[in-house]
Amino acid sequence: MNDRILSVLGALAASHADPHQPETVFQAVDHALKTTVSHTLFTILMYDRAMTQSIRVYTNLEGDYPSGGRKQITSSRWANQVIREGLPFIGNSVQDLQQVFSDHELIRSLGCASVLNMPVRWQGRTIGTLNLLHTANWYRDVCLDVMTCAAQLTAPALMMLEAQKD
């Protein structure tokens, strides 16, 4: 792993010490992924299993994808892969996005045609996802090890939000 990746992951880990949580961790993961993997749109979703909904808890484009937005999780290939199995989903084209996301037109209007949804896992279940969108084929050769580290370093902040809602 190169020094730049180690540096941004180290900064993400260090962000846990800041008392302004979870925003500090969310901003740090946004920065870490912007500088290592890159994205146009970045969101973090937390999953409410009881209501089978995703809740947007962070976004880098508040005007187009505001925090607090909710989506119902329906039975689908995507939900099975990402939520139930805990495996990342990579879509590399507008057609891939159309098959999976009902808001594919808005995504496309932002200049995005590829997606990487990385599950955040805790104790065998998906508690959220990191969602990166960019131009077509952007995530074809992404390093999933970096994504796994970033996702898991986000887990404590998501667990904190989950505990606050109970």
N, C-alpha and C. Protein backbone atom coordinates (compact mmCIF):
# COMPACT_ATOMS: atom_id res chain seq x y z
N MET A 1 0.86 -1.17 0.00
CA MET A 1 0.00 0.00 0.00
C MET A 1 0.91 1.23 0.00
N ASN A 2 0.57 2.21 -0.82
CA ASN A 2 1.47 3.37 -0.91
C ASN A 2 1.27 4.33 0.26
N ASP A 3 2.22 5.25 0.39
CA ASP A 3 2.22 6.17 1.53
C ASP A 3 1.00 7.08 1.56
N ARG A 4 0.52 7.50 0.39
CA ARG A 4 -0.66 8.39 0.33
C ARG A 4 -1.88 7.68 0.89
N ILE A 5 -2.09 6.43 0.51
CA ILE A 5 -3.24 5.66 1.01
C ILE A 5 -3.12 5.45 2.51
N LEU A 6 -1.94 5.09 2.97
CA LEU A 6 -1.73 4.91 4.42
C LEU A 6 -1.99 6.22 5.17
N SER A 7 -1.57 7.32 4.61
CA SER A 7 -1.76 8.62 5.25
C SER A 7 -3.25 8.97 5.39
N VAL A 8 -4.03 8.80 4.32
CA VAL A 8 -5.45 9.18 4.40
C VAL A 8 -6.23 8.20 5.28
N LEU A 9 -5.87 6.92 5.26
CA LEU A 9 -6.54 5.97 6.15
C LEU A 9 -6.16 6.24 7.60
N GLY A 10 -4.91 6.65 7.82
CA GLY A 10 -4.49 7.04 9.17
C GLY A 10 -5.26 8.25 9.67
N ALA A 11 -5.47 9.22 8.80
CA ALA A 11 -6.24 10.41 9.18
C ALA A 11 -7.69 10.04 9.47
N LEU A 12 -8.24 9.11 8.69
CA LEU A 12 -9.60 8.64 8.95
C LEU A 12 -9.68 7.97 10.31
N ALA A 13 -8.73 7.11 10.62
CA ALA A 13 -8.72 6.45 11.93
C ALA A 13 -8.57 7.47 13.05
N ALA A 14 -7.71 8.47 12.86
CA ALA A 14 -7.48 9.49 13.88
C ALA A 14 -8.72 10.36 14.10
N SER A 15 -9.59 10.47 13.10
CA SER A 15 -10.79 11.31 13.23
C SER A 15 -11.74 10.80 14.32
N HIS A 16 -11.58 9.56 14.72
CA HIS A 16 -12.43 9.00 15.78
C HIS A 16 -12.20 9.68 17.12
N ALA A 17 -11.05 10.30 17.29
CA ALA A 17 -10.75 10.97 18.56
C ALA A 17 -11.48 12.30 18.72
N ASP A 18 -11.95 12.87 17.64
CA ASP A 18 -12.63 14.16 17.68
C ASP A 18 -13.98 14.02 18.37
N PRO A 19 -14.35 14.96 19.24
CA PRO A 19 -15.63 14.83 19.96
C PRO A 19 -16.87 15.12 19.11
N HIS A 20 -16.71 15.69 17.93
CA HIS A 20 -17.85 16.06 17.09
C HIS A 20 -18.24 14.92 16.16
N GLN A 21 -18.82 13.89 16.74
CA GLN A 21 -19.18 12.69 15.99
C GLN A 21 -20.68 12.66 15.73
N PRO A 22 -21.10 12.03 14.68
CA PRO A 22 -20.35 11.26 13.70
C PRO A 22 -19.84 12.08 12.53
N GLU A 23 -20.16 13.38 12.49
CA GLU A 23 -19.83 14.22 11.33
C GLU A 23 -18.34 14.20 11.00
N THR A 24 -17.49 14.23 12.02
CA THR A 24 -16.04 14.24 11.77
C THR A 24 -15.59 12.99 11.04
N VAL A 25 -16.07 11.84 11.45
CA VAL A 25 -15.70 10.59 10.78
C VAL A 25 -16.27 10.58 9.36
N PHE A 26 -17.51 11.03 9.19
CA PHE A 26 -18.11 11.04 7.86
C PHE A 26 -17.34 11.95 6.91
N GLN A 27 -16.93 13.13 7.37
CA GLN A 27 -16.14 14.02 6.53
C GLN A 27 -14.77 13.42 6.22
N ALA A 28 -14.19 12.75 7.19
CA ALA A 28 -12.87 12.13 6.98
C ALA A 28 -12.94 10.99 5.97
N VAL A 29 -14.00 10.18 6.03
CA VAL A 29 -14.11 9.10 5.05
C VAL A 29 -14.37 9.67 3.66
N ASP A 30 -15.16 10.74 3.58
CA ASP A 30 -15.39 11.42 2.29
C ASP A 30 -14.04 11.87 1.72
N HIS A 31 -13.24 12.56 2.52
CA HIS A 31 -11.93 13.04 2.07
C HIS A 31 -11.02 11.87 1.69
N ALA A 32 -10.98 10.85 2.52
CA ALA A 32 -10.11 9.70 2.24
C ALA A 32 -10.45 9.05 0.90
N LEU A 33 -11.74 8.86 0.65
CA LEU A 33 -12.14 8.21 -0.59
C LEU A 33 -12.04 9.14 -1.79
N LYS A 34 -12.24 10.41 -1.58
CA LYS A 34 -12.08 11.38 -2.68
C LYS A 34 -10.64 11.39 -3.16
N THR A 35 -9.69 11.30 -2.24
CA THR A 35 -8.28 11.40 -2.61
C THR A 35 -7.65 10.08 -3.02
N THR A 36 -8.30 8.96 -2.71
CA THR A 36 -7.72 7.66 -3.09
C THR A 36 -8.47 6.99 -4.23
N VAL A 37 -9.78 6.96 -4.16
CA VAL A 37 -10.61 6.26 -5.15
C VAL A 37 -11.27 7.26 -6.09
N SER A 38 -11.74 8.36 -5.56
CA SER A 38 -12.42 9.47 -6.21
C SER A 38 -13.91 9.22 -6.38
N HIS A 39 -14.66 10.32 -6.38
CA HIS A 39 -16.10 10.27 -6.57
C HIS A 39 -16.62 11.65 -6.93
N THR A 40 -17.77 11.65 -7.59
CA THR A 40 -18.51 12.89 -7.85
C THR A 40 -19.57 13.05 -6.76
N LEU A 41 -20.32 11.98 -6.54
CA LEU A 41 -21.33 11.94 -5.48
C LEU A 41 -20.91 10.90 -4.46
N PHE A 42 -20.99 11.28 -3.19
CA PHE A 42 -20.66 10.35 -2.11
C PHE A 42 -21.74 10.47 -1.05
N THR A 43 -22.33 9.33 -0.68
CA THR A 43 -23.30 9.31 0.40
C THR A 43 -22.98 8.16 1.34
N ILE A 44 -23.46 8.29 2.56
CA ILE A 44 -23.40 7.21 3.53
C ILE A 44 -24.84 6.92 3.94
N LEU A 45 -25.22 5.66 3.83
CA LEU A 45 -26.56 5.24 4.22
C LEU A 45 -26.46 4.34 5.44
N MET A 46 -27.40 4.52 6.36
CA MET A 46 -27.54 3.65 7.51
C MET A 46 -28.80 2.83 7.29
N TYR A 47 -28.78 1.57 7.69
CA TYR A 47 -29.93 0.70 7.47
C TYR A 47 -30.73 0.50 8.73
N ASP A 48 -32.02 0.73 8.61
CA ASP A 48 -32.97 0.49 9.69
C ASP A 48 -33.64 -0.84 9.36
N ARG A 49 -33.19 -1.89 10.01
CA ARG A 49 -33.71 -3.23 9.72
C ARG A 49 -35.19 -3.36 10.09
N ALA A 50 -35.59 -2.74 11.17
CA ALA A 50 -36.98 -2.86 11.61
C ALA A 50 -37.94 -2.27 10.57
N MET A 51 -37.54 -1.17 9.95
CA MET A 51 -38.41 -0.51 8.98
C MET A 51 -38.03 -0.87 7.54
N THR A 52 -37.00 -1.70 7.37
CA THR A 52 -36.45 -2.05 6.05
C THR A 52 -36.27 -0.82 5.17
N GLN A 53 -35.58 0.17 5.74
CA GLN A 53 -35.30 1.41 5.03
C GLN A 53 -33.83 1.76 5.14
N SER A 54 -33.36 2.49 4.14
CA SER A 54 -32.05 3.12 4.23
C SER A 54 -32.27 4.60 4.52
N ILE A 55 -31.39 5.15 5.33
CA ILE A 55 -31.47 6.56 5.73
C ILE A 55 -30.15 7.21 5.35
N ARG A 56 -30.21 8.28 4.57
CA ARG A 56 -29.00 8.98 4.17
C ARG A 56 -28.54 9.83 5.35
N VAL A 57 -27.38 9.48 5.89
CA VAL A 57 -26.85 10.19 7.06
C VAL A 57 -25.71 11.14 6.70
N TYR A 58 -25.22 11.04 5.45
CA TYR A 58 -24.16 11.96 5.00
C TYR A 58 -24.22 12.04 3.49
N THR A 59 -23.92 13.23 2.98
CA THR A 59 -23.84 13.45 1.54
C THR A 59 -22.87 14.58 1.25
N ASN A 60 -22.19 14.48 0.13
CA ASN A 60 -21.34 15.59 -0.29
C ASN A 60 -22.09 16.55 -1.23
N LEU A 61 -23.31 16.19 -1.62
CA LEU A 61 -24.14 17.05 -2.48
C LEU A 61 -25.50 17.24 -1.82
N GLU A 62 -25.52 18.06 -0.80
CA GLU A 62 -26.73 18.25 0.01
C GLU A 62 -27.92 18.73 -0.83
N GLY A 63 -27.69 19.53 -1.86
CA GLY A 63 -28.79 20.04 -2.68
C GLY A 63 -29.50 18.96 -3.48
N ASP A 64 -28.75 18.04 -4.05
CA ASP A 64 -29.32 16.98 -4.89
C ASP A 64 -29.70 15.73 -4.10
N TYR A 65 -28.91 15.40 -3.09
CA TYR A 65 -29.14 14.21 -2.26
C TYR A 65 -29.05 14.60 -0.79
N PRO A 66 -30.09 15.23 -0.26
CA PRO A 66 -30.01 15.76 1.11
C PRO A 66 -29.95 14.68 2.19
N SER A 67 -29.27 15.01 3.26
CA SER A 67 -29.25 14.13 4.44
C SER A 67 -30.68 13.94 4.93
N GLY A 68 -30.94 12.78 5.47
CA GLY A 68 -32.27 12.48 5.99
C GLY A 68 -33.17 11.78 4.99
N GLY A 69 -32.77 11.75 3.74
CA GLY A 69 -33.57 11.05 2.73
C GLY A 69 -33.68 9.57 3.07
N ARG A 70 -34.83 8.99 2.75
CA ARG A 70 -35.09 7.58 3.05
C ARG A 70 -35.52 6.84 1.79
N LYS A 71 -35.14 5.57 1.74
CA LYS A 71 -35.58 4.69 0.66
C LYS A 71 -36.00 3.36 1.27
N GLN A 72 -37.08 2.84 0.76
CA GLN A 72 -37.52 1.51 1.19
C GLN A 72 -36.60 0.47 0.55
N ILE A 73 -36.18 -0.51 1.32
CA ILE A 73 -35.37 -1.61 0.79
C ILE A 73 -36.34 -2.70 0.33
N THR A 74 -36.28 -2.99 -0.95
CA THR A 74 -37.15 -4.03 -1.49
C THR A 74 -36.31 -5.26 -1.82
N SER A 75 -36.95 -6.34 -2.00
CA SER A 75 -36.26 -7.57 -2.38
C SER A 75 -35.73 -7.40 -3.81
N SER A 76 -34.43 -7.50 -3.95
CA SER A 76 -33.81 -7.33 -5.27
C SER A 76 -32.45 -8.00 -5.27
N ARG A 77 -31.89 -8.11 -6.45
CA ARG A 77 -30.53 -8.66 -6.60
C ARG A 77 -29.54 -7.79 -5.82
N TRP A 78 -29.70 -6.46 -5.94
CA TRP A 78 -28.81 -5.53 -5.24
C TRP A 78 -28.91 -5.70 -3.73
N ALA A 79 -30.14 -5.72 -3.20
CA ALA A 79 -30.34 -5.84 -1.75
C ALA A 79 -29.78 -7.16 -1.24
N ASN A 80 -29.97 -8.21 -2.00
CA ASN A 80 -29.44 -9.52 -1.58
C ASN A 80 -27.92 -9.48 -1.53
N GLN A 81 -27.30 -8.90 -2.54
CA GLN A 81 -25.83 -8.86 -2.61
C GLN A 81 -25.24 -7.95 -1.54
N VAL A 82 -25.74 -6.73 -1.44
CA VAL A 82 -25.12 -5.73 -0.57
C VAL A 82 -25.59 -5.85 0.87
N ILE A 83 -26.90 -5.93 1.08
CA ILE A 83 -27.44 -5.92 2.43
C ILE A 83 -27.33 -7.29 3.08
N ARG A 84 -27.80 -8.31 2.42
CA ARG A 84 -27.85 -9.63 3.05
C ARG A 84 -26.50 -10.35 3.03
N GLU A 85 -25.82 -10.35 1.86
CA GLU A 85 -24.55 -11.07 1.75
C GLU A 85 -23.35 -10.22 2.17
N GLY A 86 -23.53 -8.89 2.19
CA GLY A 86 -22.43 -8.01 2.59
C GLY A 86 -21.32 -7.89 1.57
N LEU A 87 -21.68 -8.00 0.29
CA LEU A 87 -20.70 -7.90 -0.78
C LEU A 87 -20.86 -6.57 -1.52
N PRO A 88 -19.74 -5.98 -1.97
CA PRO A 88 -19.86 -4.72 -2.70
C PRO A 88 -20.58 -4.90 -4.03
N PHE A 89 -21.19 -3.82 -4.48
CA PHE A 89 -21.81 -3.79 -5.80
C PHE A 89 -21.10 -2.74 -6.63
N ILE A 90 -20.69 -3.12 -7.82
CA ILE A 90 -20.06 -2.19 -8.75
C ILE A 90 -20.87 -2.20 -10.04
N GLY A 91 -21.32 -1.05 -10.44
CA GLY A 91 -21.99 -0.87 -11.72
C GLY A 91 -21.16 0.09 -12.55
N ASN A 92 -20.90 -0.25 -13.80
CA ASN A 92 -19.99 0.55 -14.61
C ASN A 92 -20.63 1.33 -15.74
N SER A 93 -21.96 1.29 -15.84
CA SER A 93 -22.61 1.96 -16.96
C SER A 93 -23.97 2.50 -16.55
N VAL A 94 -24.52 3.36 -17.39
CA VAL A 94 -25.87 3.88 -17.17
C VAL A 94 -26.86 2.72 -17.12
N GLN A 95 -26.66 1.72 -17.95
CA GLN A 95 -27.55 0.56 -17.96
C GLN A 95 -27.50 -0.18 -16.63
N ASP A 96 -26.33 -0.31 -16.04
CA ASP A 96 -26.21 -0.94 -14.73
C ASP A 96 -27.00 -0.14 -13.68
N LEU A 97 -26.91 1.18 -13.75
CA LEU A 97 -27.63 2.03 -12.80
C LEU A 97 -29.14 1.92 -13.00
N GLN A 98 -29.59 1.87 -14.25
CA GLN A 98 -31.02 1.76 -14.55
C GLN A 98 -31.61 0.48 -13.97
N GLN A 99 -30.84 -0.60 -13.98
CA GLN A 99 -31.33 -1.88 -13.48
C GLN A 99 -31.49 -1.91 -11.97
N VAL A 100 -30.81 -1.00 -11.28
CA VAL A 100 -30.74 -1.09 -9.82
C VAL A 100 -31.38 0.09 -9.09
N PHE A 101 -31.29 1.29 -9.64
CA PHE A 101 -31.70 2.48 -8.90
C PHE A 101 -32.86 3.21 -9.56
N SER A 102 -33.89 3.47 -8.79
CA SER A 102 -35.05 4.19 -9.31
C SER A 102 -34.72 5.65 -9.62
N ASP A 103 -33.68 6.20 -9.00
CA ASP A 103 -33.29 7.59 -9.22
C ASP A 103 -32.14 7.72 -10.23
N HIS A 104 -32.06 6.76 -11.15
CA HIS A 104 -30.96 6.73 -12.12
C HIS A 104 -30.91 7.98 -12.99
N GLU A 105 -32.05 8.62 -13.27
CA GLU A 105 -32.06 9.85 -14.08
C GLU A 105 -31.36 10.99 -13.34
N LEU A 106 -31.63 11.14 -12.05
CA LEU A 106 -30.96 12.17 -11.26
C LEU A 106 -29.47 11.87 -11.18
N ILE A 107 -29.12 10.62 -10.98
CA ILE A 107 -27.72 10.22 -10.94
C ILE A 107 -27.03 10.61 -12.25
N ARG A 108 -27.66 10.28 -13.36
CA ARG A 108 -27.09 10.59 -14.68
C ARG A 108 -26.97 12.09 -14.89
N SER A 109 -27.95 12.86 -14.39
CA SER A 109 -27.91 14.32 -14.57
C SER A 109 -26.72 14.95 -13.85
N LEU A 110 -26.16 14.25 -12.88
CA LEU A 110 -24.98 14.73 -12.15
C LEU A 110 -23.68 14.34 -12.83
N GLY A 111 -23.79 13.67 -13.99
CA GLY A 111 -22.62 13.24 -14.73
C GLY A 111 -22.09 11.90 -14.27
N CYS A 112 -22.88 11.17 -13.52
CA CYS A 112 -22.45 9.88 -12.98
C CYS A 112 -23.02 8.73 -13.81
N ALA A 113 -22.17 7.76 -14.09
CA ALA A 113 -22.62 6.57 -14.83
C ALA A 113 -22.01 5.30 -14.26
N SER A 114 -21.35 5.40 -13.12
CA SER A 114 -20.85 4.20 -12.45
C SER A 114 -21.04 4.36 -10.95
N VAL A 115 -21.08 3.23 -10.26
CA VAL A 115 -21.35 3.24 -8.83
C VAL A 115 -20.54 2.16 -8.14
N LEU A 116 -20.18 2.44 -6.89
CA LEU A 116 -19.59 1.46 -6.00
C LEU A 116 -20.33 1.58 -4.67
N ASN A 117 -21.07 0.55 -4.31
CA ASN A 117 -21.75 0.50 -3.02
C ASN A 117 -20.96 -0.47 -2.15
N MET A 118 -20.38 0.04 -1.08
CA MET A 118 -19.55 -0.77 -0.19
C MET A 118 -20.26 -0.96 1.14
N PRO A 119 -20.61 -2.20 1.49
CA PRO A 119 -21.29 -2.41 2.77
C PRO A 119 -20.38 -2.16 3.95
N VAL A 120 -20.98 -1.63 5.01
CA VAL A 120 -20.32 -1.49 6.31
C VAL A 120 -20.94 -2.58 7.17
N ARG A 121 -20.10 -3.47 7.68
CA ARG A 121 -20.59 -4.66 8.38
C ARG A 121 -20.20 -4.63 9.85
N TRP A 122 -21.10 -5.18 10.68
CA TRP A 122 -20.82 -5.34 12.11
C TRP A 122 -21.55 -6.59 12.57
N GLN A 123 -20.82 -7.49 13.18
CA GLN A 123 -21.36 -8.72 13.75
C GLN A 123 -22.24 -9.48 12.75
N GLY A 124 -21.74 -9.63 11.55
CA GLY A 124 -22.41 -10.45 10.55
C GLY A 124 -23.58 -9.80 9.83
N ARG A 125 -23.78 -8.49 10.04
CA ARG A 125 -24.89 -7.84 9.33
C ARG A 125 -24.42 -6.50 8.76
N THR A 126 -25.09 -6.09 7.72
CA THR A 126 -24.80 -4.80 7.10
C THR A 126 -25.54 -3.72 7.87
N ILE A 127 -24.78 -2.73 8.35
CA ILE A 127 -25.39 -1.63 9.09
C ILE A 127 -25.47 -0.36 8.26
N GLY A 128 -24.83 -0.36 7.10
CA GLY A 128 -24.85 0.80 6.22
C GLY A 128 -24.02 0.55 4.98
N THR A 129 -23.95 1.57 4.15
CA THR A 129 -23.12 1.49 2.96
C THR A 129 -22.44 2.81 2.69
N LEU A 130 -21.27 2.72 2.09
CA LEU A 130 -20.60 3.87 1.50
C LEU A 130 -20.92 3.80 0.01
N ASN A 131 -21.39 4.91 -0.56
CA ASN A 131 -21.87 4.91 -1.94
C ASN A 131 -21.12 5.97 -2.73
N LEU A 132 -20.34 5.52 -3.69
CA LEU A 132 -19.53 6.40 -4.52
C LEU A 132 -20.04 6.32 -5.95
N LEU A 133 -20.22 7.48 -6.59
CA LEU A 133 -20.66 7.52 -7.98
C LEU A 133 -19.73 8.44 -8.77
N HIS A 134 -19.50 8.05 -10.03
CA HIS A 134 -18.54 8.78 -10.87
C HIS A 134 -18.88 8.52 -12.32
N THR A 135 -17.99 8.90 -13.22
CA THR A 135 -18.20 8.68 -14.65
C THR A 135 -18.14 7.19 -14.98
N ALA A 136 -18.57 6.84 -16.18
CA ALA A 136 -18.64 5.43 -16.59
C ALA A 136 -17.30 4.71 -16.41
N ASN A 137 -17.39 3.47 -15.95
CA ASN A 137 -16.24 2.57 -15.79
C ASN A 137 -15.22 3.02 -14.75
N TRP A 138 -15.54 4.02 -13.94
CA TRP A 138 -14.56 4.55 -12.98
C TRP A 138 -14.11 3.50 -11.97
N TYR A 139 -15.02 2.64 -11.53
CA TYR A 139 -14.70 1.70 -10.45
C TYR A 139 -14.35 0.30 -10.96
N ARG A 140 -14.08 0.17 -12.24
CA ARG A 140 -13.77 -1.13 -12.84
C ARG A 140 -12.58 -1.80 -12.15
N ASP A 141 -11.56 -1.03 -11.82
CA ASP A 141 -10.33 -1.60 -11.25
C ASP A 141 -10.04 -1.09 -9.84
N VAL A 142 -11.07 -0.78 -9.10
CA VAL A 142 -10.90 -0.21 -7.77
C VAL A 142 -10.28 -1.23 -6.81
N CYS A 143 -9.49 -0.73 -5.86
CA CYS A 143 -8.91 -1.58 -4.82
C CYS A 143 -9.94 -1.76 -3.71
N LEU A 144 -10.51 -2.93 -3.63
CA LEU A 144 -11.54 -3.18 -2.61
C LEU A 144 -10.96 -3.26 -1.20
N ASP A 145 -9.66 -3.50 -1.06
CA ASP A 145 -9.05 -3.48 0.26
C ASP A 145 -9.13 -2.09 0.89
N VAL A 146 -8.87 -1.06 0.10
CA VAL A 146 -8.98 0.32 0.59
C VAL A 146 -10.43 0.60 0.97
N MET A 147 -11.36 0.16 0.14
CA MET A 147 -12.78 0.38 0.41
C MET A 147 -13.21 -0.33 1.70
N THR A 148 -12.74 -1.55 1.89
CA THR A 148 -13.08 -2.30 3.11
C THR A 148 -12.57 -1.57 4.34
N CYS A 149 -11.34 -1.08 4.30
CA CYS A 149 -10.78 -0.33 5.44
C CYS A 149 -11.62 0.91 5.72
N ALA A 150 -11.94 1.66 4.69
CA ALA A 150 -12.73 2.88 4.88
C ALA A 150 -14.11 2.56 5.43
N ALA A 151 -14.73 1.52 4.90
CA ALA A 151 -16.07 1.14 5.36
C ALA A 151 -16.03 0.75 6.84
N GLN A 152 -15.09 -0.08 7.20
CA GLN A 152 -15.05 -0.55 8.58
C GLN A 152 -14.63 0.53 9.56
N LEU A 153 -13.87 1.52 9.09
CA LEU A 153 -13.54 2.65 9.96
C LEU A 153 -14.73 3.59 10.12
N THR A 154 -15.77 3.40 9.33
CA THR A 154 -16.99 4.17 9.46
C THR A 154 -17.98 3.50 10.42
N ALA A 155 -17.79 2.23 10.68
CA ALA A 155 -18.73 1.45 11.50
C ALA A 155 -19.02 2.07 12.87
N PRO A 156 -18.02 2.52 13.64
CA PRO A 156 -18.36 3.08 14.96
C PRO A 156 -19.30 4.29 14.90
N ALA A 157 -19.13 5.14 13.89
CA ALA A 157 -20.01 6.31 13.75
C ALA A 157 -21.43 5.87 13.42
N LEU A 158 -21.59 4.87 12.57
CA LEU A 158 -22.93 4.36 12.26
C LEU A 158 -23.55 3.67 13.46
N MET A 159 -22.76 2.93 14.22
CA MET A 159 -23.30 2.28 15.41
C MET A 159 -23.74 3.31 16.45
N MET A 160 -23.01 4.42 16.54
CA MET A 160 -23.39 5.50 17.45
C MET A 160 -24.77 6.05 17.05
N LEU A 161 -24.98 6.29 15.76
CA LEU A 161 -26.29 6.78 15.28
C LEU A 161 -27.38 5.76 15.54
N GLU A 162 -27.07 4.51 15.32
CA GLU A 162 -28.04 3.44 15.56
C GLU A 162 -28.45 3.39 17.03
N ALA A 163 -27.47 3.55 17.91
CA ALA A 163 -27.77 3.52 19.36
C ALA A 163 -28.60 4.73 19.77
N GLN A 164 -28.39 5.87 19.13
CA GLN A 164 -29.15 7.08 19.47
C GLN A 164 -30.61 6.98 19.08
N LYS A 165 -30.92 6.21 18.04
CA LYS A 165 -32.31 6.14 17.59
C LYS A 165 -33.14 5.19 18.46
N ASP A 166 -32.49 4.33 19.22
CA ASP A 166 -33.21 3.36 20.08
C ASP A 166 -33.70 3.98 21.35
